[in-house]
């Protein structure tokens, strides 16, 4: 009878450990999915930043050209 009780306790502990393992495994998979999503979003934002930076450079060049034209007109 005593062995049965010890065996039952051990079985309960193993069941608890397996349940925790499965819960952590699910949580880990969720974090992996979130990480992939965030990396994708970051890549898109980096592309947008690069595009906007290039547009800003082009606008700066346009402004410089306009300023030169105005200076030439004003003498």
PDB file of N, CA and C in Angstrom:
ATOM      1  N   UNK A   1       0.826  -1.191   0.000  1.00  0.00           N
ATOM      2  CA  UNK A   1       0.000   0.000   0.000  1.00  0.00           C
ATOM      3  C   UNK A   1       0.867   1.250   0.000  1.00  0.00           C
ATOM      4  N   UNK A   2       1.936   1.208   0.803  1.00  0.00           N
ATOM      5  CA  UNK A   2       2.838   2.343   0.875  1.00  0.00           C
ATOM      6  C   UNK A   2       3.509   2.594  -0.468  1.00  0.00           C
ATOM      7  N   UNK A   3       3.895   1.538  -1.170  1.00  0.00           N
ATOM      8  CA  UNK A   3       4.503   1.675  -2.486  1.00  0.00           C
ATOM      9  C   UNK A   3       3.527   2.295  -3.475  1.00  0.00           C
ATOM     10  N   UNK A   4       2.282   1.917  -3.382  1.00  0.00           N
ATOM     11  CA  UNK A   4       1.244   2.464  -4.268  1.00  0.00           C
ATOM     12  C   UNK A   4       1.142   3.975  -4.052  1.00  0.00           C
ATOM     13  N   UNK A   5       1.153   4.407  -2.827  1.00  0.00           N
ATOM     14  CA  UNK A   5       1.046   5.821  -2.511  1.00  0.00           C
ATOM     15  C   UNK A   5       2.257   6.573  -3.048  1.00  0.00           C
ATOM     16  N   UNK A   6       3.422   6.026  -2.862  1.00  0.00           N
ATOM     17  CA  UNK A   6       4.633   6.651  -3.380  1.00  0.00           C
ATOM     18  C   UNK A   6       4.594   6.706  -4.896  1.00  0.00           C
ATOM     19  N   UNK A   7       4.140   5.638  -5.494  1.00  0.00           N
ATOM     20  CA  UNK A   7       4.026   5.580  -6.946  1.00  0.00           C
ATOM     21  C   UNK A   7       3.000   6.591  -7.457  1.00  0.00           C
ATOM     22  N   UNK A   8       1.911   6.726  -6.740  1.00  0.00           N
ATOM     23  CA  UNK A   8       0.885   7.706  -7.126  1.00  0.00           C
ATOM     24  C   UNK A   8       1.428   9.131  -7.019  1.00  0.00           C
ATOM     25  N   UNK A   9       2.172   9.397  -5.945  1.00  0.00           N
ATOM     26  CA  UNK A   9       2.765  10.729  -5.775  1.00  0.00           C
ATOM     27  C   UNK A   9       3.741  11.032  -6.908  1.00  0.00           C
ATOM     28  N   UNK A  10       4.545  10.047  -7.230  1.00  0.00           N
ATOM     29  CA  UNK A  10       5.506  10.211  -8.320  1.00  0.00           C
ATOM     30  C   UNK A  10       4.781  10.453  -9.645  1.00  0.00           C
ATOM     31  N   UNK A  11       3.726   9.717  -9.858  1.00  0.00           N
ATOM     32  CA  UNK A  11       2.936   9.879 -11.080  1.00  0.00           C
ATOM     33  C   UNK A  11       2.331  11.280 -11.164  1.00  0.00           C
ATOM     34  N   UNK A  12       1.836  11.778 -10.042  1.00  0.00           N
ATOM     35  CA  UNK A  12       1.263  13.132 -10.006  1.00  0.00           C
ATOM     36  C   UNK A  12       2.328  14.179 -10.319  1.00  0.00           C
ATOM     37  N   UNK A  13       3.501  13.997  -9.740  1.00  0.00           N
ATOM     38  CA  UNK A  13       4.589  14.947  -9.992  1.00  0.00           C
ATOM     39  C   UNK A  13       5.004  14.926 -11.462  1.00  0.00           C
ATOM     40  N   UNK A  14       5.081  13.740 -12.030  1.00  0.00           N
ATOM     41  CA  UNK A  14       5.440  13.629 -13.452  1.00  0.00           C
ATOM     42  C   UNK A  14       4.376  14.288 -14.316  1.00  0.00           C
ATOM     43  N   UNK A  15       3.109  14.069 -13.975  1.00  0.00           N
ATOM     44  CA  UNK A  15       2.015  14.689 -14.723  1.00  0.00           C
ATOM     45  C   UNK A  15       2.109  16.211 -14.645  1.00  0.00           C
ATOM     46  N   UNK A  16       2.393  16.726 -13.465  1.00  0.00           N
ATOM     47  CA  UNK A  16       2.533  18.173 -13.292  1.00  0.00           C
ATOM     48  C   UNK A  16       3.687  18.714 -14.125  1.00  0.00           C
ATOM     49  N   UNK A  17       4.800  18.013 -14.109  1.00  0.00           N
ATOM     50  CA  UNK A  17       5.969  18.443 -14.886  1.00  0.00           C
ATOM     51  C   UNK A  17       5.660  18.432 -16.377  1.00  0.00           C
ATOM     52  N   UNK A  18       4.987  17.397 -16.844  1.00  0.00           N
ATOM     53  CA  UNK A  18       4.637  17.304 -18.266  1.00  0.00           C
ATOM     54  C   UNK A  18       3.679  18.433 -18.650  1.00  0.00           C
ATOM     55  N   UNK A  19       2.721  18.735 -17.779  1.00  0.00           N
ATOM     56  CA  UNK A  19       1.784  19.830 -18.051  1.00  0.00           C
ATOM     57  C   UNK A  19       2.522  21.166 -18.136  1.00  0.00           C
ATOM     58  N   UNK A  20       3.435  21.403 -17.212  1.00  0.00           N
ATOM     59  CA  UNK A  20       4.219  22.642 -17.245  1.00  0.00           C
ATOM     60  C   UNK A  20       5.077  22.708 -18.505  1.00  0.00           C
ATOM     61  N   UNK A  21       5.671  21.570 -18.861  1.00  0.00           N
ATOM     62  CA  UNK A  21       6.487  21.508 -20.075  1.00  0.00           C
ATOM     63  C   UNK A  21       5.654  21.876 -21.298  1.00  0.00           C
ATOM     64  N   UNK A  22       4.470  21.289 -21.407  1.00  0.00           N
ATOM     65  CA  UNK A  22       3.604  21.572 -22.555  1.00  0.00           C
ATOM     66  C   UNK A  22       3.163  23.032 -22.586  1.00  0.00           C
ATOM     67  N   UNK A  23       2.869  23.591 -21.414  1.00  0.00           N
ATOM     68  CA  UNK A  23       2.480  25.000 -21.347  1.00  0.00           C
ATOM     69  C   UNK A  23       3.640  25.892 -21.793  1.00  0.00           C
ATOM     70  N   UNK A  24       4.846  25.588 -21.327  1.00  0.00           N
ATOM     71  CA  UNK A  24       6.017  26.374 -21.715  1.00  0.00           C
ATOM     72  C   UNK A  24       6.338  26.207 -23.193  1.00  0.00           C
ATOM     73  N   UNK A  25       6.126  25.012 -23.709  1.00  0.00           N
ATOM     74  CA  UNK A  25       6.356  24.759 -25.129  1.00  0.00           C
ATOM     75  C   UNK A  25       5.403  25.611 -25.975  1.00  0.00           C
ATOM     76  N   UNK A  26       4.140  25.675 -25.566  1.00  0.00           N
ATOM     77  CA  UNK A  26       3.154  26.501 -26.271  1.00  0.00           C
ATOM     78  C   UNK A  26       3.523  27.978 -26.181  1.00  0.00           C
ATOM     79  N   UNK A  27       3.922  28.418 -24.995  1.00  0.00           N
ATOM     80  CA  UNK A  27       4.327  29.812 -24.803  1.00  0.00           C
ATOM     81  C   UNK A  27       5.547  30.142 -25.662  1.00  0.00           C
ATOM     82  N   UNK A  28       6.492  29.230 -25.727  1.00  0.00           N
ATOM     83  CA  UNK A  28       7.694  29.424 -26.529  1.00  0.00           C
ATOM     84  C   UNK A  28       7.339  29.569 -28.009  1.00  0.00           C
ATOM     85  N   UNK A  29       6.454  28.736 -28.488  1.00  0.00           N
ATOM     86  CA  UNK A  29       6.027  28.807 -29.891  1.00  0.00           C
ATOM     87  C   UNK A  29       5.343  30.144 -30.176  1.00  0.00           C
ATOM     88  N   UNK A  30       4.566  30.601 -29.218  1.00  0.00           N
ATOM     89  CA  UNK A  30       3.912  31.904 -29.360  1.00  0.00           C
ATOM     90  C   UNK A  30       4.951  33.018 -29.465  1.00  0.00           C
ATOM     91  N   UNK A  31       5.975  32.950 -28.632  1.00  0.00           N
ATOM     92  CA  UNK A  31       7.043  33.953 -28.685  1.00  0.00           C
ATOM     93  C   UNK A  31       7.807  33.885 -30.006  1.00  0.00           C
ATOM     94  N   UNK A  32       8.024  32.691 -30.512  1.00  0.00           N
ATOM     95  CA  UNK A  32       8.708  32.544 -31.806  1.00  0.00           C
ATOM     96  C   UNK A  32       7.901  33.203 -32.920  1.00  0.00           C
ATOM     97  N   UNK A  33       6.605  32.965 -32.908  1.00  0.00           N
ATOM     98  CA  UNK A  33       5.732  33.560 -33.922  1.00  0.00           C
ATOM     99  C   UNK A  33       5.752  35.081 -33.811  1.00  0.00           C
ATOM    100  N   UNK A  34       5.676  35.582 -32.586  1.00  0.00           N
ATOM    101  CA  UNK A  34       5.711  37.029 -32.369  1.00  0.00           C
ATOM    102  C   UNK A  34       7.047  37.609 -32.839  1.00  0.00           C
ATOM    103  N   UNK A  35       8.130  36.915 -32.578  1.00  0.00           N
ATOM    104  CA  UNK A  35       9.453  37.372 -32.996  1.00  0.00           C
ATOM    105  C   UNK A  35       9.541  37.468 -34.514  1.00  0.00           C
ATOM    106  N   UNK A  36       9.030  36.459 -35.206  1.00  0.00           N
ATOM    107  CA  UNK A  36       9.037  36.475 -36.669  1.00  0.00           C
ATOM    108  C   UNK A  36       8.232  37.661 -37.189  1.00  0.00           C
ATOM    109  N   UNK A  37       7.068  37.891 -36.588  1.00  0.00           N
ATOM    110  CA  UNK A  37       6.229  39.021 -36.993  1.00  0.00           C
ATOM    111  C   UNK A  37       6.951  40.344 -36.762  1.00  0.00           C
ATOM    112  N   UNK A  38       7.573  40.491 -35.607  1.00  0.00           N
ATOM    113  CA  UNK A  38       8.271  41.737 -35.290  1.00  0.00           C
ATOM    114  C   UNK A  38       9.469  41.966 -36.202  1.00  0.00           C
ATOM    115  N   UNK A  39      10.182  40.893 -36.549  1.00  0.00           N
ATOM    116  CA  UNK A  39      11.307  41.037 -37.479  1.00  0.00           C
ATOM    117  C   UNK A  39      10.819  41.498 -38.839  1.00  0.00           C
ATOM    118  N   UNK A  40       9.702  40.961 -39.267  1.00  0.00           N
ATOM    119  CA  UNK A  40       9.129  41.351 -40.554  1.00  0.00           C
ATOM    120  C   UNK A  40       8.711  42.818 -40.531  1.00  0.00           C
ATOM    121  N   UNK A  41       8.045  43.222 -39.456  1.00  0.00           N
ATOM    122  CA  UNK A  41       7.628  44.620 -39.321  1.00  0.00           C
ATOM    123  C   UNK A  41       8.841  45.547 -39.288  1.00  0.00           C
ATOM    124  N   UNK A  42       9.890  45.135 -38.598  1.00  0.00           N
ATOM    125  CA  UNK A  42      11.106  45.942 -38.524  1.00  0.00           C
ATOM    126  C   UNK A  42      11.733  46.112 -39.899  1.00  0.00           C
ATOM    127  N   UNK A  43      11.762  45.042 -40.679  1.00  0.00           N
ATOM    128  CA  UNK A  43      12.325  45.116 -42.030  1.00  0.00           C
ATOM    129  C   UNK A  43      11.527  46.092 -42.887  1.00  0.00           C
ATOM    130  N   UNK A  44      10.207  46.040 -42.782  1.00  0.00           N
ATOM    131  CA  UNK A  44       9.366  46.965 -43.551  1.00  0.00           C
ATOM    132  C   UNK A  44       9.606  48.413 -43.119  1.00  0.00           C
ATOM    133  N   UNK A  45       9.721  48.627 -41.831  1.00  0.00           N
ATOM    134  CA  UNK A  45       9.970  49.982 -41.328  1.00  0.00           C
ATOM    135  C   UNK A  45      11.347  50.475 -41.758  1.00  0.00           C
ATOM    136  N   UNK A  46      12.335  49.594 -41.744  1.00  0.00           N
ATOM    137  CA  UNK A  46      13.673  49.974 -42.203  1.00  0.00           C
ATOM    138  C   UNK A  46      13.652  50.382 -43.676  1.00  0.00           C
ATOM    139  N   UNK A  47      12.895  49.647 -44.481  1.00  0.00           N
ATOM    140  CA  UNK A  47      12.768  49.993 -45.898  1.00  0.00           C
ATOM    141  C   UNK A  47      12.099  51.355 -46.057  1.00  0.00           C
ATOM    142  N   UNK A  48      11.071  51.602 -45.271  1.00  0.00           N
ATOM    143  CA  UNK A  48      10.360  52.883 -45.342  1.00  0.00           C
ATOM    144  C   UNK A  48      11.279  54.023 -44.910  1.00  0.00           C
ATOM    145  N   UNK A  49      12.064  53.807 -43.870  1.00  0.00           N
ATOM    146  CA  UNK A  49      13.012  54.828 -43.407  1.00  0.00           C
ATOM    147  C   UNK A  49      14.030  55.128 -44.497  1.00  0.00           C
ATOM    148  N   UNK A  50      14.543  54.087 -45.141  1.00  0.00           N
ATOM    149  CA  UNK A  50      15.515  54.281 -46.218  1.00  0.00           C
ATOM    150  C   UNK A  50      14.890  55.078 -47.364  1.00  0.00           C
ATOM    151  N   UNK A  51      13.679  54.734 -47.731  1.00  0.00           N
ATOM    152  CA  UNK A  51      12.972  55.437 -48.804  1.00  0.00           C
ATOM    153  C   UNK A  51      12.772  56.910 -48.442  1.00  0.00           C
ATOM    154  N   UNK A  52      12.324  57.168 -47.222  1.00  0.00           N
ATOM    155  CA  UNK A  52      12.094  58.546 -46.788  1.00  0.00           C
ATOM    156  C   UNK A  52      13.401  59.333 -46.696  1.00  0.00           C
ATOM    157  N   UNK A  53      14.470  58.676 -46.286  1.00  0.00           N
ATOM    158  CA  UNK A  53      15.772  59.334 -46.226  1.00  0.00           C
ATOM    159  C   UNK A  53      16.224  59.744 -47.621  1.00  0.00           C
ATOM    160  N   UNK A  54      16.041  58.842 -48.591  1.00  0.00           N
ATOM    161  CA  UNK A  54      16.395  59.166 -49.977  1.00  0.00           C
ATOM    162  C   UNK A  54      15.543  60.324 -50.498  1.00  0.00           C
ATOM    163  N   UNK A  55      14.257  60.301 -50.183  1.00  0.00           N
ATOM    164  CA  UNK A  55      13.380  61.397 -50.604  1.00  0.00           C
ATOM    165  C   UNK A  55      13.820  62.714 -49.969  1.00  0.00           C
ATOM    166  N   UNK A  56      14.235  62.660 -48.724  1.00  0.00           N
ATOM    167  CA  UNK A  56      14.696  63.852 -48.025  1.00  0.00           C
ATOM    168  C   UNK A  56      15.944  64.423 -48.692  1.00  0.00           C
ATOM    169  N   UNK A  57      16.868  63.553 -49.076  1.00  0.00           N
ATOM    170  CA  UNK A  57      18.083  63.994 -49.768  1.00  0.00           C
ATOM    171  C   UNK A  57      17.715  64.670 -51.082  1.00  0.00           C
ATOM    172  N   UNK A  58      16.792  64.067 -51.817  1.00  0.00           N
ATOM    173  CA  UNK A  58      16.365  64.644 -53.097  1.00  0.00           C
ATOM    174  C   UNK A  58      15.707  66.008 -52.884  1.00  0.00           C
ATOM    175  N   UNK A  59      14.894  66.134 -51.862  1.00  0.00           N
ATOM    176  CA  UNK A  59      14.245  67.418 -51.563  1.00  0.00           C
ATOM    177  C   UNK A  59      15.294  68.464 -51.194  1.00  0.00           C
ATOM    178  N   UNK A  60      16.296  68.055 -50.425  1.00  0.00           N
ATOM    179  CA  UNK A  60      17.369  68.985 -50.070  1.00  0.00           C
ATOM    180  C   UNK A  60      18.093  69.485 -51.325  1.00  0.00           C
ATOM    181  N   UNK A  61      18.344  68.580 -52.271  1.00  0.00           N
ATOM    182  CA  UNK A  61      18.989  68.984 -53.523  1.00  0.00           C
ATOM    183  C   UNK A  61      18.104  69.955 -54.306  1.00  0.00           C
ATOM    184  N   UNK A  62      16.811  69.677 -54.332  1.00  0.00           N
ATOM    185  CA  UNK A  62      15.880  70.578 -55.020  1.00  0.00           C
ATOM    186  C   UNK A  62      15.887  71.959 -54.374  1.00  0.00           C
ATOM    187  N   UNK A  63      15.901  71.986 -53.055  1.00  0.00           N
ATOM    188  CA  UNK A  63      15.920  73.266 -52.339  1.00  0.00           C
ATOM    189  C   UNK A  63      17.199  74.028 -52.658  1.00  0.00           C
ATOM    190  N   UNK A  64      18.325  73.331 -52.676  1.00  0.00           N
ATOM    191  CA  UNK A  64      19.594  73.980 -53.012  1.00  0.00           C
ATOM    192  C   UNK A  64      19.545  74.574 -54.416  1.00  0.00           C
ATOM    193  N   UNK A  65      18.985  73.842 -55.364  1.00  0.00           N
ATOM    194  CA  UNK A  65      18.868  74.347 -56.734  1.00  0.00           C
ATOM    195  C   UNK A  65      17.977  75.582 -56.788  1.00  0.00           C
ATOM    196  N   UNK A  66      16.879  75.549 -56.067  1.00  0.00           N
ATOM    197  CA  UNK A  66      15.971  76.699 -56.049  1.00  0.00           C
ATOM    198  C   UNK A  66      16.660  77.912 -55.434  1.00  0.00           C
ATOM    199  N   UNK A  67      17.392  77.690 -54.340  1.00  0.00           N
ATOM    200  CA  UNK A  67      18.110  78.791 -53.690  1.00  0.00           C
ATOM    201  C   UNK A  67      19.140  79.381 -54.649  1.00  0.00           C
ATOM    202  N   UNK A  68      19.864  78.546 -55.382  1.00  0.00           N
ATOM    203  CA  UNK A  68      20.852  79.033 -56.353  1.00  0.00           C
ATOM    204  C   UNK A  68      20.179  79.856 -57.443  1.00  0.00           C
ATOM    205  N   UNK A  69      19.032  79.391 -57.928  1.00  0.00           N
ATOM    206  CA  UNK A  69      18.308  80.139 -58.960  1.00  0.00           C
ATOM    207  C   UNK A  69      17.858  81.497 -58.431  1.00  0.00           C
ATOM    208  N   UNK A  70      17.367  81.512 -57.204  1.00  0.00           N
ATOM    209  CA  UNK A  70      16.930  82.776 -56.602  1.00  0.00           C
ATOM    210  C   UNK A  70      18.120  83.713 -56.432  1.00  0.00           C
ATOM    211  N   UNK A  71      19.251  83.181 -55.967  1.00  0.00           N
ATOM    212  CA  UNK A  71      20.451  84.001 -55.798  1.00  0.00           C
ATOM    213  C   UNK A  71      20.913  84.562 -57.137  1.00  0.00           C
ATOM    214  N   UNK A  72      20.845  83.756 -58.201  1.00  0.00           N
ATOM    215  CA  UNK A  72      21.229  84.226 -59.535  1.00  0.00           C
ATOM    216  C   UNK A  72      20.296  85.328 -60.019  1.00  0.00           C
ATOM    217  N   UNK A  73      19.018  85.189 -59.741  1.00  0.00           N
ATOM    218  CA  UNK A  73      18.052  86.208 -60.167  1.00  0.00           C
ATOM    219  C   UNK A  73      18.275  87.508 -59.400  1.00  0.00           C
ATOM    220  N   UNK A  74      18.525  87.386 -58.101  1.00  0.00           N
ATOM    221  CA  UNK A  74      18.714  88.574 -57.268  1.00  0.00           C
ATOM    222  C   UNK A  74      20.098  89.192 -57.456  1.00  0.00           C
ATOM    223  N   UNK A  75      21.007  88.425 -58.016  1.00  0.00           N
ATOM    224  CA  UNK A  75      22.312  88.977 -58.351  1.00  0.00           C
ATOM    225  C   UNK A  75      23.295  88.737 -57.307  1.00  0.00           C
TER     226      UNK A  75
END
